[in-house]
N, C-alpha and C. Protein backbone atom coordinates (compact mmCIF):
# COMPACT_ATOMS: atom_id res chain seq x y z
N MET A 1 -4.31 53.11 22.48
CA MET A 1 -4.01 53.86 23.66
C MET A 1 -4.13 53.07 24.90
N GLY A 2 -4.99 52.10 24.88
CA GLY A 2 -5.25 51.23 26.05
C GLY A 2 -4.03 50.50 26.42
N SER A 3 -3.18 49.89 25.40
CA SER A 3 -2.11 49.16 25.64
C SER A 3 -0.98 50.03 26.20
N CYS A 4 -0.82 51.25 25.91
CA CYS A 4 0.20 52.13 26.56
C CYS A 4 -0.06 52.35 27.92
N TYR A 5 -1.42 52.59 28.18
CA TYR A 5 -1.80 52.89 29.66
C TYR A 5 -1.59 51.73 30.45
N THR A 6 -1.95 50.48 29.98
CA THR A 6 -1.69 49.27 30.76
C THR A 6 -0.32 49.10 31.07
N ASP A 7 0.63 49.30 30.08
CA ASP A 7 2.10 49.16 30.19
C ASP A 7 2.57 50.08 31.26
N ALA A 8 2.12 51.39 31.34
CA ALA A 8 2.54 52.26 32.34
C ALA A 8 2.20 51.90 33.80
N VAL A 9 0.96 51.39 33.82
CA VAL A 9 0.42 50.87 35.22
C VAL A 9 1.20 49.69 35.65
N VAL A 10 1.56 48.76 34.77
CA VAL A 10 2.41 47.56 34.99
C VAL A 10 3.68 47.98 35.46
N MET A 11 4.27 48.93 34.77
CA MET A 11 5.67 49.32 35.06
C MET A 11 5.68 49.98 36.42
N ARG A 12 4.70 50.73 36.73
CA ARG A 12 4.61 51.51 38.05
C ARG A 12 4.51 50.37 39.23
N LEU A 13 3.94 49.33 38.94
CA LEU A 13 3.77 48.29 40.04
C LEU A 13 4.96 47.41 40.10
N LEU A 14 5.46 47.18 38.90
CA LEU A 14 6.63 46.32 38.73
C LEU A 14 8.01 46.88 39.37
N ILE A 15 8.19 48.08 39.23
CA ILE A 15 9.37 48.72 39.73
C ILE A 15 9.46 48.68 41.30
N PRO A 16 8.39 49.10 41.97
CA PRO A 16 8.59 48.86 43.46
C PRO A 16 8.69 47.34 43.94
N LEU A 17 8.03 46.46 43.20
CA LEU A 17 8.22 45.12 43.61
C LEU A 17 9.50 44.74 43.35
N LEU A 18 10.17 44.87 42.38
CA LEU A 18 11.55 44.58 41.99
C LEU A 18 12.50 45.20 43.07
N TYR A 19 12.24 46.52 43.47
CA TYR A 19 13.07 47.18 44.42
C TYR A 19 12.97 46.53 45.91
N PHE A 20 11.81 46.17 46.25
CA PHE A 20 11.63 45.47 47.58
C PHE A 20 12.09 44.12 47.50
N GLY A 21 12.03 43.38 46.38
CA GLY A 21 12.54 42.06 46.20
C GLY A 21 14.09 42.01 46.41
N LEU A 22 14.71 43.10 45.78
CA LEU A 22 16.16 43.10 45.95
C LEU A 22 16.58 43.34 47.35
N ILE A 23 15.91 44.37 48.02
CA ILE A 23 16.28 44.63 49.40
C ILE A 23 16.00 43.50 50.39
N PHE A 24 14.82 42.97 50.34
CA PHE A 24 14.43 42.03 51.32
C PHE A 24 14.77 40.55 50.91
N GLY A 25 15.23 40.38 49.64
CA GLY A 25 15.52 39.10 49.15
C GLY A 25 16.90 38.67 49.34
N GLN A 26 17.65 39.60 49.89
CA GLN A 26 19.05 39.24 50.14
C GLN A 26 19.27 38.24 51.22
N GLU A 27 20.07 37.23 51.02
CA GLU A 27 20.44 36.24 52.03
C GLU A 27 21.40 36.85 53.03
N LYS A 28 21.47 36.33 54.14
CA LYS A 28 22.41 36.63 55.16
C LYS A 28 23.71 36.23 54.75
N LYS A 29 24.79 37.09 55.13
CA LYS A 29 26.13 36.75 54.73
C LYS A 29 26.66 35.60 55.62
N ILE A 30 27.27 34.63 55.11
CA ILE A 30 27.76 33.57 55.91
C ILE A 30 29.14 33.86 56.17
N LYS A 31 29.54 33.67 57.43
CA LYS A 31 30.98 33.83 57.83
C LYS A 31 31.64 32.58 57.49
N PHE A 32 32.88 32.80 56.80
CA PHE A 32 33.52 31.57 56.35
C PHE A 32 35.00 31.65 57.08
N ASP A 33 35.26 30.63 57.63
CA ASP A 33 36.57 30.50 58.31
C ASP A 33 37.38 29.47 57.68
N PRO A 34 38.45 29.73 56.82
CA PRO A 34 39.23 28.77 56.15
C PRO A 34 40.05 27.82 57.16
N ASN A 35 40.18 28.19 58.38
CA ASN A 35 40.95 27.35 59.27
C ASN A 35 40.03 26.18 59.73
N LYS A 36 38.74 26.35 59.64
CA LYS A 36 37.77 25.29 60.02
C LYS A 36 37.43 24.33 58.93
N LEU A 37 37.91 24.62 57.83
CA LEU A 37 37.62 23.80 56.59
C LEU A 37 38.12 22.38 56.70
N ASN A 38 37.42 21.48 56.57
CA ASN A 38 37.90 20.00 56.61
C ASN A 38 38.05 19.35 55.18
N ASP A 39 39.15 19.63 54.63
CA ASP A 39 39.41 19.23 53.28
C ASP A 39 40.25 18.08 53.28
N PRO A 40 39.79 16.86 52.48
CA PRO A 40 40.70 15.69 52.67
C PRO A 40 42.14 15.92 51.89
N GLU A 41 43.11 15.17 52.40
CA GLU A 41 44.46 15.29 51.88
C GLU A 41 44.39 14.69 50.49
N PRO A 42 45.07 15.42 49.42
CA PRO A 42 44.96 14.73 48.14
C PRO A 42 45.98 13.51 48.20
N ARG A 43 45.78 12.50 47.33
CA ARG A 43 46.64 11.32 47.24
C ARG A 43 47.55 11.59 46.08
N TRP A 44 48.81 11.94 46.47
CA TRP A 44 49.73 12.26 45.48
C TRP A 44 50.39 10.99 44.99
N PRO A 45 50.90 10.98 43.74
CA PRO A 45 51.66 9.89 43.31
C PRO A 45 52.94 9.63 44.02
N LYS A 46 53.35 8.40 44.21
CA LYS A 46 54.51 8.16 44.88
C LYS A 46 55.82 8.44 44.00
N ILE A 47 56.61 9.17 44.45
CA ILE A 47 57.90 9.67 43.68
C ILE A 47 58.95 8.75 44.08
N ILE A 48 59.58 8.21 43.15
CA ILE A 48 60.70 7.27 43.37
C ILE A 48 61.94 7.99 42.81
N SER A 49 62.93 8.04 43.55
CA SER A 49 64.12 8.71 43.05
C SER A 49 64.94 7.73 42.23
N PRO A 50 65.34 8.09 41.02
CA PRO A 50 66.10 7.11 40.18
C PRO A 50 67.58 6.89 40.78
N LEU A 51 67.91 7.67 41.63
CA LEU A 51 69.36 7.58 42.18
C LEU A 51 69.33 6.62 43.35
N SER A 52 68.24 6.26 44.07
CA SER A 52 68.45 5.52 45.25
C SER A 52 68.83 4.06 45.01
N ILE A 53 69.51 3.41 45.86
CA ILE A 53 70.05 2.07 45.75
C ILE A 53 69.15 1.04 45.69
N GLU A 54 67.93 1.09 46.31
CA GLU A 54 66.92 0.15 46.21
C GLU A 54 66.32 0.09 44.86
N ASN A 55 66.00 1.24 44.19
CA ASN A 55 65.45 1.27 42.85
C ASN A 55 66.48 0.64 41.80
N GLN A 56 67.75 0.91 42.05
CA GLN A 56 68.73 0.30 41.02
C GLN A 56 68.66 -1.28 41.13
N LEU A 57 68.46 -1.78 42.22
CA LEU A 57 68.35 -3.21 42.45
C LEU A 57 67.07 -3.82 41.78
N VAL A 58 66.04 -3.09 41.92
CA VAL A 58 64.78 -3.57 41.28
C VAL A 58 64.88 -3.33 39.83
N ARG A 59 65.36 -2.24 39.33
CA ARG A 59 65.57 -2.01 37.87
C ARG A 59 66.34 -3.07 37.11
N GLN A 60 67.33 -3.71 37.84
CA GLN A 60 68.17 -4.58 37.20
C GLN A 60 67.39 -5.93 36.97
N GLU A 61 66.35 -6.29 37.71
CA GLU A 61 65.59 -7.46 37.60
C GLU A 61 64.54 -7.23 36.54
N GLU A 62 64.02 -6.10 36.41
CA GLU A 62 62.85 -5.86 35.52
C GLU A 62 63.38 -5.53 34.11
N PRO A 63 62.68 -5.89 33.09
CA PRO A 63 63.15 -5.59 31.76
C PRO A 63 63.06 -4.08 31.50
N ASP A 64 63.85 -3.53 30.67
CA ASP A 64 63.86 -2.02 30.45
C ASP A 64 62.49 -1.73 29.74
N SER A 65 61.83 -0.77 30.40
CA SER A 65 60.50 -0.40 29.96
C SER A 65 60.54 0.94 29.24
N THR A 66 61.69 1.42 28.75
CA THR A 66 61.72 2.67 28.03
C THR A 66 61.21 2.34 26.66
N GLN A 67 60.45 3.31 26.16
CA GLN A 67 59.84 3.06 24.90
C GLN A 67 60.09 4.28 24.08
N ILE A 68 60.61 4.03 22.76
CA ILE A 68 60.86 5.08 21.87
C ILE A 68 59.41 5.35 20.89
N ILE A 69 59.15 6.47 20.82
CA ILE A 69 57.82 6.76 19.94
C ILE A 69 58.27 7.75 18.94
N ILE A 70 58.09 7.37 17.58
CA ILE A 70 58.43 8.21 16.53
C ILE A 70 57.31 8.40 15.60
N GLU A 71 57.38 9.26 14.66
CA GLU A 71 56.28 9.40 13.64
C GLU A 71 56.41 8.28 12.69
N GLY A 72 55.30 7.80 12.22
CA GLY A 72 55.32 6.67 11.28
C GLY A 72 53.86 6.49 10.70
N PHE A 73 53.55 5.22 10.37
CA PHE A 73 52.23 5.01 9.80
C PHE A 73 51.59 3.65 10.43
N ARG A 74 50.27 3.79 10.48
CA ARG A 74 49.49 2.55 10.79
C ARG A 74 48.27 2.52 9.68
N VAL A 75 47.77 1.42 9.82
CA VAL A 75 46.59 1.29 8.87
C VAL A 75 45.37 1.07 9.85
N GLN A 76 44.32 2.07 9.52
CA GLN A 76 43.15 2.21 10.30
C GLN A 76 42.08 1.25 9.70
N VAL A 77 41.55 0.22 10.35
CA VAL A 77 40.59 -0.60 9.67
C VAL A 77 39.18 -0.22 10.09
N LEU A 78 38.92 0.39 11.22
CA LEU A 78 37.56 0.65 11.73
C LEU A 78 37.65 1.85 12.69
N ALA A 79 36.54 2.59 12.64
CA ALA A 79 36.31 3.64 13.65
C ALA A 79 34.88 3.46 14.07
N THR A 80 34.62 3.11 15.33
CA THR A 80 33.34 2.79 15.80
C THR A 80 33.11 3.55 17.13
N ARG A 81 31.84 3.71 17.47
CA ARG A 81 31.37 4.22 18.77
C ARG A 81 31.27 3.07 19.79
N ASP A 82 31.24 1.75 19.25
CA ASP A 82 30.89 0.63 20.15
C ASP A 82 32.31 -0.09 20.43
N GLN A 83 32.80 0.00 21.67
CA GLN A 83 33.95 -0.62 22.10
C GLN A 83 34.03 -2.14 21.78
N VAL A 84 32.86 -2.81 22.11
CA VAL A 84 32.76 -4.33 21.85
C VAL A 84 33.06 -4.56 20.27
N ASN A 85 32.58 -3.84 19.38
CA ASN A 85 32.79 -3.95 18.03
C ASN A 85 34.19 -3.85 17.66
N GLY A 86 34.90 -2.99 18.22
CA GLY A 86 36.35 -2.73 18.11
C GLY A 86 37.09 -3.97 18.58
N GLU A 87 36.80 -4.38 19.80
CA GLU A 87 37.52 -5.61 20.41
C GLU A 87 37.21 -6.96 19.54
N GLN A 88 35.93 -7.12 19.04
CA GLN A 88 35.81 -8.26 18.09
C GLN A 88 36.49 -8.22 16.96
N LEU A 89 36.54 -7.02 16.34
CA LEU A 89 37.39 -6.89 15.08
C LEU A 89 38.86 -7.16 15.42
N ARG A 90 39.38 -6.75 16.54
CA ARG A 90 40.75 -6.91 16.98
C ARG A 90 40.97 -8.45 16.97
N ASN A 91 40.08 -9.16 17.79
CA ASN A 91 40.32 -10.64 17.83
C ASN A 91 40.24 -11.26 16.40
N LYS A 92 39.40 -10.91 15.60
CA LYS A 92 39.17 -11.52 14.29
C LYS A 92 40.53 -11.20 13.48
N LEU A 93 41.06 -10.00 13.56
CA LEU A 93 42.28 -9.69 12.65
C LEU A 93 43.35 -10.36 13.29
N SER A 94 43.58 -10.64 14.67
CA SER A 94 44.70 -11.23 15.15
C SER A 94 44.82 -12.66 14.64
N GLU A 95 43.72 -13.30 14.34
CA GLU A 95 43.74 -14.66 13.81
C GLU A 95 44.40 -14.70 12.44
N SER A 96 44.31 -13.63 11.60
CA SER A 96 44.81 -13.63 10.25
C SER A 96 46.07 -12.94 10.00
N PHE A 97 46.40 -11.94 10.91
CA PHE A 97 47.61 -11.17 10.68
C PHE A 97 48.51 -11.16 11.95
N LEU A 98 49.79 -11.03 11.54
CA LEU A 98 50.80 -10.95 12.76
C LEU A 98 51.01 -9.52 13.19
N GLU A 99 50.66 -8.55 12.63
CA GLU A 99 50.88 -7.19 12.92
C GLU A 99 50.22 -6.91 14.31
N LYS A 100 50.92 -5.98 15.06
CA LYS A 100 50.29 -5.52 16.28
C LYS A 100 49.00 -4.71 16.06
N ILE A 101 48.00 -4.98 16.80
CA ILE A 101 46.61 -4.30 16.67
C ILE A 101 46.38 -3.44 17.88
N TYR A 102 45.93 -2.11 17.64
CA TYR A 102 45.68 -1.24 18.64
C TYR A 102 44.28 -0.76 18.51
N ILE A 103 43.54 -0.59 19.78
CA ILE A 103 42.35 0.04 19.84
C ILE A 103 42.52 1.37 20.61
N ILE A 104 42.40 2.41 19.84
CA ILE A 104 42.64 3.72 20.42
C ILE A 104 41.31 4.49 20.54
N PHE A 105 41.13 5.16 21.70
CA PHE A 105 39.90 5.80 21.89
C PHE A 105 40.23 7.29 21.71
N GLU A 106 39.44 7.93 20.86
CA GLU A 106 39.47 9.35 20.55
C GLU A 106 38.07 9.71 20.48
N SER A 107 37.62 10.30 21.53
CA SER A 107 36.23 10.63 21.81
C SER A 107 35.52 11.15 20.48
N PRO A 108 34.51 10.54 20.17
CA PRO A 108 33.63 9.49 20.69
C PRO A 108 33.86 8.12 20.07
N ASN A 109 34.98 7.88 19.37
CA ASN A 109 35.21 6.71 18.52
C ASN A 109 36.35 5.94 19.15
N TYR A 110 36.16 4.59 18.88
CA TYR A 110 37.20 3.55 19.18
C TYR A 110 37.72 3.29 17.82
N LYS A 111 39.07 3.45 17.63
CA LYS A 111 39.68 3.20 16.36
C LYS A 111 40.52 2.02 16.32
N VAL A 112 40.31 1.06 15.41
CA VAL A 112 41.12 -0.23 15.34
C VAL A 112 42.22 0.07 14.29
N ARG A 113 43.53 0.06 14.77
CA ARG A 113 44.58 0.31 13.94
C ARG A 113 45.61 -0.75 14.02
N MET A 114 46.36 -0.96 12.87
CA MET A 114 47.25 -2.00 12.79
C MET A 114 48.67 -1.54 12.49
N GLY A 115 49.71 -2.18 13.01
CA GLY A 115 51.03 -2.06 12.56
C GLY A 115 51.86 -0.83 13.14
N ASN A 116 53.17 -0.86 12.99
CA ASN A 116 54.13 0.23 13.34
C ASN A 116 55.02 0.34 12.08
N PHE A 117 54.66 1.21 11.23
CA PHE A 117 55.52 1.23 9.98
C PHE A 117 56.20 2.54 9.93
N ILE A 118 57.52 2.49 9.64
CA ILE A 118 58.34 3.79 9.32
C ILE A 118 58.09 4.07 7.94
N ASP A 119 58.09 3.14 6.96
CA ASP A 119 57.90 3.35 5.61
C ASP A 119 56.46 3.11 5.13
N ARG A 120 55.98 4.13 4.45
CA ARG A 120 54.57 4.03 3.99
C ARG A 120 54.24 2.95 3.06
N ARG A 121 55.29 2.49 2.35
CA ARG A 121 55.14 1.37 1.39
C ARG A 121 54.71 0.03 2.21
N ASP A 122 55.41 0.00 3.26
CA ASP A 122 55.00 -1.28 4.20
C ASP A 122 53.62 -1.25 4.56
N ALA A 123 53.13 -0.02 4.92
CA ALA A 123 51.70 0.10 5.36
C ALA A 123 50.78 0.00 4.23
N GLU A 124 51.19 0.34 3.09
CA GLU A 124 50.36 0.14 1.83
C GLU A 124 50.20 -1.41 1.50
N THR A 125 51.27 -2.07 1.74
CA THR A 125 51.26 -3.60 1.57
C THR A 125 50.14 -4.21 2.57
N LEU A 126 50.26 -3.79 3.86
CA LEU A 126 49.21 -4.29 4.77
C LEU A 126 47.86 -3.88 4.37
N ARG A 127 47.71 -2.67 3.89
CA ARG A 127 46.31 -2.03 3.48
C ARG A 127 45.75 -2.96 2.32
N ARG A 128 46.70 -3.40 1.44
CA ARG A 128 46.12 -4.10 0.19
C ARG A 128 45.78 -5.57 0.71
N SER A 129 46.45 -6.13 1.66
CA SER A 129 46.23 -7.37 2.04
C SER A 129 44.96 -7.47 2.91
N LEU A 130 44.75 -6.31 3.61
CA LEU A 130 43.45 -6.14 4.35
C LEU A 130 42.23 -6.05 3.39
N ALA A 131 42.35 -5.36 2.36
CA ALA A 131 41.42 -5.11 1.35
C ALA A 131 41.01 -6.51 0.61
N LYS A 132 42.06 -7.24 0.43
CA LYS A 132 41.82 -8.78 -0.16
C LYS A 132 41.09 -9.56 0.82
N LYS A 133 41.26 -9.28 2.20
CA LYS A 133 40.60 -10.20 3.20
C LYS A 133 39.21 -9.55 3.49
N GLY A 134 38.71 -8.54 2.78
CA GLY A 134 37.43 -8.02 3.00
C GLY A 134 37.21 -6.83 3.77
N TYR A 135 38.34 -6.06 3.84
CA TYR A 135 38.29 -4.70 4.50
C TYR A 135 38.64 -3.62 3.59
N PRO A 136 38.02 -3.36 2.56
CA PRO A 136 38.37 -2.44 1.45
C PRO A 136 38.39 -1.09 1.91
N SER A 137 37.77 -0.63 3.16
CA SER A 137 37.74 0.74 3.52
C SER A 137 38.86 0.98 4.42
N ALA A 138 39.89 0.07 4.62
CA ALA A 138 41.02 0.36 5.52
C ALA A 138 41.94 1.46 4.86
N TRP A 139 42.44 2.35 5.59
CA TRP A 139 43.27 3.38 5.15
C TRP A 139 44.48 3.83 5.95
N ILE A 140 45.46 4.31 5.39
CA ILE A 140 46.67 4.64 6.10
C ILE A 140 46.65 5.86 6.71
N ILE A 141 47.17 5.96 8.00
CA ILE A 141 47.21 7.12 8.76
C ILE A 141 48.62 7.47 9.27
N ARG A 142 48.94 8.81 9.32
CA ARG A 142 50.31 9.15 9.84
C ARG A 142 50.02 9.32 11.30
N THR A 143 50.84 8.73 12.18
CA THR A 143 50.72 8.80 13.57
C THR A 143 51.90 8.48 14.33
N ARG A 144 52.03 8.57 15.58
CA ARG A 144 53.09 8.10 16.43
C ARG A 144 53.09 6.62 16.53
N ILE A 145 54.31 5.92 16.39
CA ILE A 145 54.30 4.48 16.43
C ILE A 145 55.45 4.14 17.33
N GLU A 146 55.41 2.81 17.66
CA GLU A 146 56.45 2.16 18.47
C GLU A 146 57.22 1.27 17.55
N PRO A 147 58.39 1.85 17.16
CA PRO A 147 59.19 0.98 16.12
C PRO A 147 59.72 -0.24 16.71
N ASN A 148 59.88 -1.25 15.95
CA ASN A 148 60.51 -2.50 16.34
C ASN A 148 62.02 -2.37 16.29
N LEU A 149 62.70 -2.25 17.39
CA LEU A 149 64.15 -2.29 17.34
C LEU A 149 64.85 -3.46 17.51
């Protein structure tokens, strides 16, 4: 019975305290004028019209940078959280293999991948040669590639 009595007393004291806290604890309303807001101007990317004469002259001097990306295969050699490990492996692999080597960041891992294969059998050949060179855990993944045209 003592605990019910204390709970009732506490509630009788707590309710008025909460009520006065809500009434007197309100902050003053701040008047906001959006016209006085000093917001910095965003830095938009420069848009170059492909039809302007100046751009056509520049484009003729530069190599064509269009890139075709299709579905294909690569061989993944390593997935690590340490970027330095990925770069060291890339340097080591570039000494032994002619295939293009990519380090792709997919949070939280850096993935070291090799090649641009349209045919899975070619990717399998690279995977076998990697296994012979000491990378038995290399595996083939299906991904977007840059085909050699």
